[in-house]
Amino acid sequence: LSLYSSPARETKYVENPKTELEEGVSRLRHVLEPYTAWCQLPLWFVFSDLELTGSSKVKADSSLCSGFFSEGYEFLQKPPAGFYPRLGVISFAGIIGLFLARGSKIKKLVYPAALMGMGTSMYYPQQAVAIAKVAGTQLYDWSLQGYIAVEALWKDT
């Protein structure tokens, strides 16, 4: 008997059952898969100067995608001071909104958006005022159009 050998053990791999959270994340990933695939860079964009056999080259007009991706990439490489903490607070407000929105589907849309809007308006008050003015004007216009439509229906009957 050798001192360094051990008897072979019979092992069996048992996979842990998935939790509700893992199942929910899996369903969310499958639902969002078409949208996330749209955001990924295609191979022709990455290898636009790759030479093929003969004199043909892969050429693509990258003017549509390049501006969007390069600006976003540069912004995330050199963000303004305090950007990530602000992003964290705003995202956390959205998560709290989802937690508080138990029940109806309308609450699940309204609460996170409202809490994220409030969090965003704390950090960006000037932009929030500008958006509120435009939204108020649009809401007034829509309500006026609705009033005119209802009045026209009322007069016809």
Protein backbone atom coordinates (compact mmCIF):
# COMPACT_ATOMS: atom_id res chain seq x y z
CA LEU A 1 0.00 0.00 0.00
CA SER A 2 1.34 3.38 -0.95
CA LEU A 3 1.18 6.24 1.51
CA TYR A 4 0.16 8.76 -1.15
CA SER A 5 -2.66 6.97 -2.88
CA SER A 6 -6.23 7.08 -1.72
CA PRO A 7 -9.00 4.70 -2.60
CA ALA A 8 -11.22 5.77 -5.49
CA ARG A 9 -14.49 7.25 -4.29
CA GLU A 10 -17.79 6.85 -5.99
CA THR A 11 -18.95 10.41 -6.59
CA LYS A 12 -22.16 11.54 -8.13
CA TYR A 13 -22.82 15.05 -9.41
CA VAL A 14 -26.10 16.47 -8.19
CA GLU A 15 -27.19 19.78 -9.66
CA ASN A 16 -28.87 22.19 -7.29
CA PRO A 17 -32.44 23.05 -8.27
CA LYS A 18 -32.92 26.51 -9.75
CA THR A 19 -34.44 29.14 -7.51
CA GLU A 20 -37.28 31.48 -8.50
CA LEU A 21 -34.79 34.30 -8.97
CA GLU A 22 -32.66 32.24 -11.36
CA GLU A 23 -35.77 31.19 -13.30
CA GLY A 24 -36.94 34.81 -13.50
CA VAL A 25 -33.57 36.04 -14.74
CA SER A 26 -33.49 33.21 -17.29
CA ARG A 27 -36.95 34.14 -18.61
CA LEU A 28 -35.97 37.83 -18.74
CA ARG A 29 -32.82 37.01 -20.71
CA HIS A 30 -34.79 34.93 -23.21
CA VAL A 31 -37.36 37.71 -23.66
CA LEU A 32 -34.69 40.40 -24.12
CA GLU A 33 -32.45 38.30 -26.36
CA PRO A 34 -33.66 39.83 -29.68
CA TYR A 35 -33.09 43.33 -28.35
CA THR A 36 -29.65 42.63 -26.90
CA ALA A 37 -28.59 40.95 -30.15
CA TRP A 38 -29.49 44.18 -31.97
CA CYS A 39 -27.02 46.12 -29.82
CA GLN A 40 -24.06 43.82 -30.41
CA LEU A 41 -21.52 44.79 -33.01
CA PRO A 42 -21.73 42.72 -36.17
CA LEU A 43 -18.60 41.04 -37.48
CA TRP A 44 -18.54 43.11 -40.67
CA PHE A 45 -18.26 46.21 -38.50
CA VAL A 46 -15.31 44.85 -36.53
CA PHE A 47 -13.44 43.40 -39.52
CA SER A 48 -14.29 46.04 -42.12
CA ASP A 49 -10.75 46.05 -43.58
CA LEU A 50 -10.30 42.27 -43.66
CA GLU A 51 -9.02 41.10 -47.04
CA LEU A 52 -10.63 38.11 -48.63
CA THR A 53 -9.37 35.92 -51.45
CA GLY A 54 -8.65 37.77 -54.65
CA SER A 55 -9.16 41.49 -54.79
CA SER A 56 -12.47 41.66 -52.95
CA LYS A 57 -12.67 43.30 -49.54
CA VAL A 58 -15.36 43.40 -46.93
CA LYS A 59 -16.62 46.97 -46.95
CA ALA A 60 -19.41 48.41 -44.89
CA ASP A 61 -20.71 51.83 -44.24
CA SER A 62 -20.20 52.10 -40.51
CA SER A 63 -21.36 55.71 -40.25
CA LEU A 64 -24.69 54.68 -38.75
CA CYS A 65 -23.29 52.58 -35.92
CA SER A 66 -19.91 54.14 -35.33
CA GLY A 67 -21.16 57.42 -33.90
CA PHE A 68 -23.53 55.80 -31.44
CA PHE A 69 -21.10 53.20 -30.15
CA SER A 70 -18.00 55.38 -30.10
CA GLU A 71 -19.69 58.21 -28.19
CA GLY A 72 -21.09 55.81 -25.63
CA TYR A 73 -17.78 54.02 -25.27
CA GLU A 74 -15.86 57.28 -24.81
CA PHE A 75 -18.39 58.52 -22.28
CA LEU A 76 -18.10 55.35 -20.21
CA GLN A 77 -14.29 55.45 -20.41
CA LYS A 78 -14.12 59.03 -19.12
CA PRO A 79 -17.38 59.68 -17.25
CA PRO A 80 -18.01 62.98 -15.47
CA ALA A 81 -17.26 63.13 -11.77
CA GLY A 82 -19.87 61.30 -9.71
CA PHE A 83 -21.57 59.64 -12.68
CA TYR A 84 -21.47 56.06 -11.37
CA PRO A 85 -22.78 56.91 -7.87
CA ARG A 86 -25.62 58.88 -9.48
CA LEU A 87 -26.36 55.98 -11.81
CA GLY A 88 -26.40 53.65 -8.81
CA VAL A 89 -28.87 55.82 -6.88
CA ILE A 90 -31.18 56.18 -9.88
CA SER A 91 -31.05 52.43 -10.60
CA PHE A 92 -31.67 51.61 -6.94
CA ALA A 93 -34.73 53.90 -7.01
CA GLY A 94 -36.05 51.88 -9.95
CA ILE A 95 -35.48 48.61 -8.10
CA ILE A 96 -37.27 49.99 -5.02
CA GLY A 97 -40.12 51.01 -7.33
CA LEU A 98 -40.36 47.45 -8.64
CA PHE A 99 -40.37 46.15 -5.07
CA LEU A 100 -43.15 48.54 -4.02
CA ALA A 101 -45.24 47.86 -7.14
CA ARG A 102 -46.75 44.60 -6.06
CA GLY A 103 -50.11 43.89 -7.56
CA SER A 104 -51.17 45.45 -10.81
CA LYS A 105 -49.14 45.74 -13.98
CA ILE A 106 -49.81 49.47 -14.15
CA LYS A 107 -48.09 49.94 -10.80
CA LYS A 108 -45.11 48.01 -12.12
CA LEU A 109 -44.80 50.56 -14.92
CA VAL A 110 -45.59 53.71 -12.96
CA TYR A 111 -43.74 53.24 -9.64
CA PRO A 112 -40.25 52.48 -11.03
CA ALA A 113 -40.53 55.23 -13.64
CA ALA A 114 -41.74 57.76 -11.07
CA LEU A 115 -39.04 56.90 -8.52
CA MET A 116 -36.32 56.91 -11.16
CA GLY A 117 -37.63 60.24 -12.42
CA MET A 118 -37.50 61.66 -8.91
CA GLY A 119 -33.97 60.35 -8.42
CA THR A 120 -32.87 61.76 -11.75
CA SER A 121 -34.43 65.14 -11.01
CA MET A 122 -32.38 65.35 -7.80
CA TYR A 123 -29.14 65.15 -9.76
CA TYR A 124 -30.20 66.92 -12.95
CA PRO A 125 -32.71 69.62 -11.93
CA GLN A 126 -32.33 71.86 -14.99
CA GLN A 127 -32.97 69.03 -17.41
CA ALA A 128 -35.92 67.86 -15.27
CA VAL A 129 -37.50 71.32 -15.47
CA ALA A 130 -37.07 71.41 -19.25
CA ILE A 131 -38.62 67.94 -19.62
CA ALA A 132 -41.48 68.86 -17.28
CA LYS A 133 -42.25 71.96 -19.35
CA VAL A 134 -42.36 69.99 -22.59
CA ALA A 135 -44.38 67.20 -21.00
CA GLY A 136 -46.82 69.71 -19.52
CA THR A 137 -47.31 71.37 -22.88
CA GLN A 138 -47.85 68.02 -24.60
CA LEU A 139 -50.30 66.90 -21.91
CA TYR A 140 -52.25 70.14 -22.26
CA ASP A 141 -52.38 69.75 -26.05
CA TRP A 142 -53.56 66.14 -25.80
CA SER A 143 -56.24 67.01 -23.24
CA LEU A 144 -57.44 69.88 -25.42
CA GLN A 145 -57.64 67.59 -28.46
CA GLY A 146 -59.56 65.04 -26.39
CA TYR A 147 -61.96 67.72 -25.17
CA ILE A 148 -62.57 68.92 -28.72
CA ALA A 149 -63.18 65.35 -29.91
CA VAL A 150 -65.65 64.63 -27.08
CA GLU A 151 -67.39 67.97 -27.70
CA ALA A 152 -67.73 67.15 -31.41
CA LEU A 153 -69.23 63.74 -30.58
CA TRP A 154 -71.59 65.31 -28.06
CA LYS A 155 -72.86 67.89 -30.56
CA ASP A 156 -73.42 65.26 -33.27
CA THR A 157 -75.81 63.23 -31.14
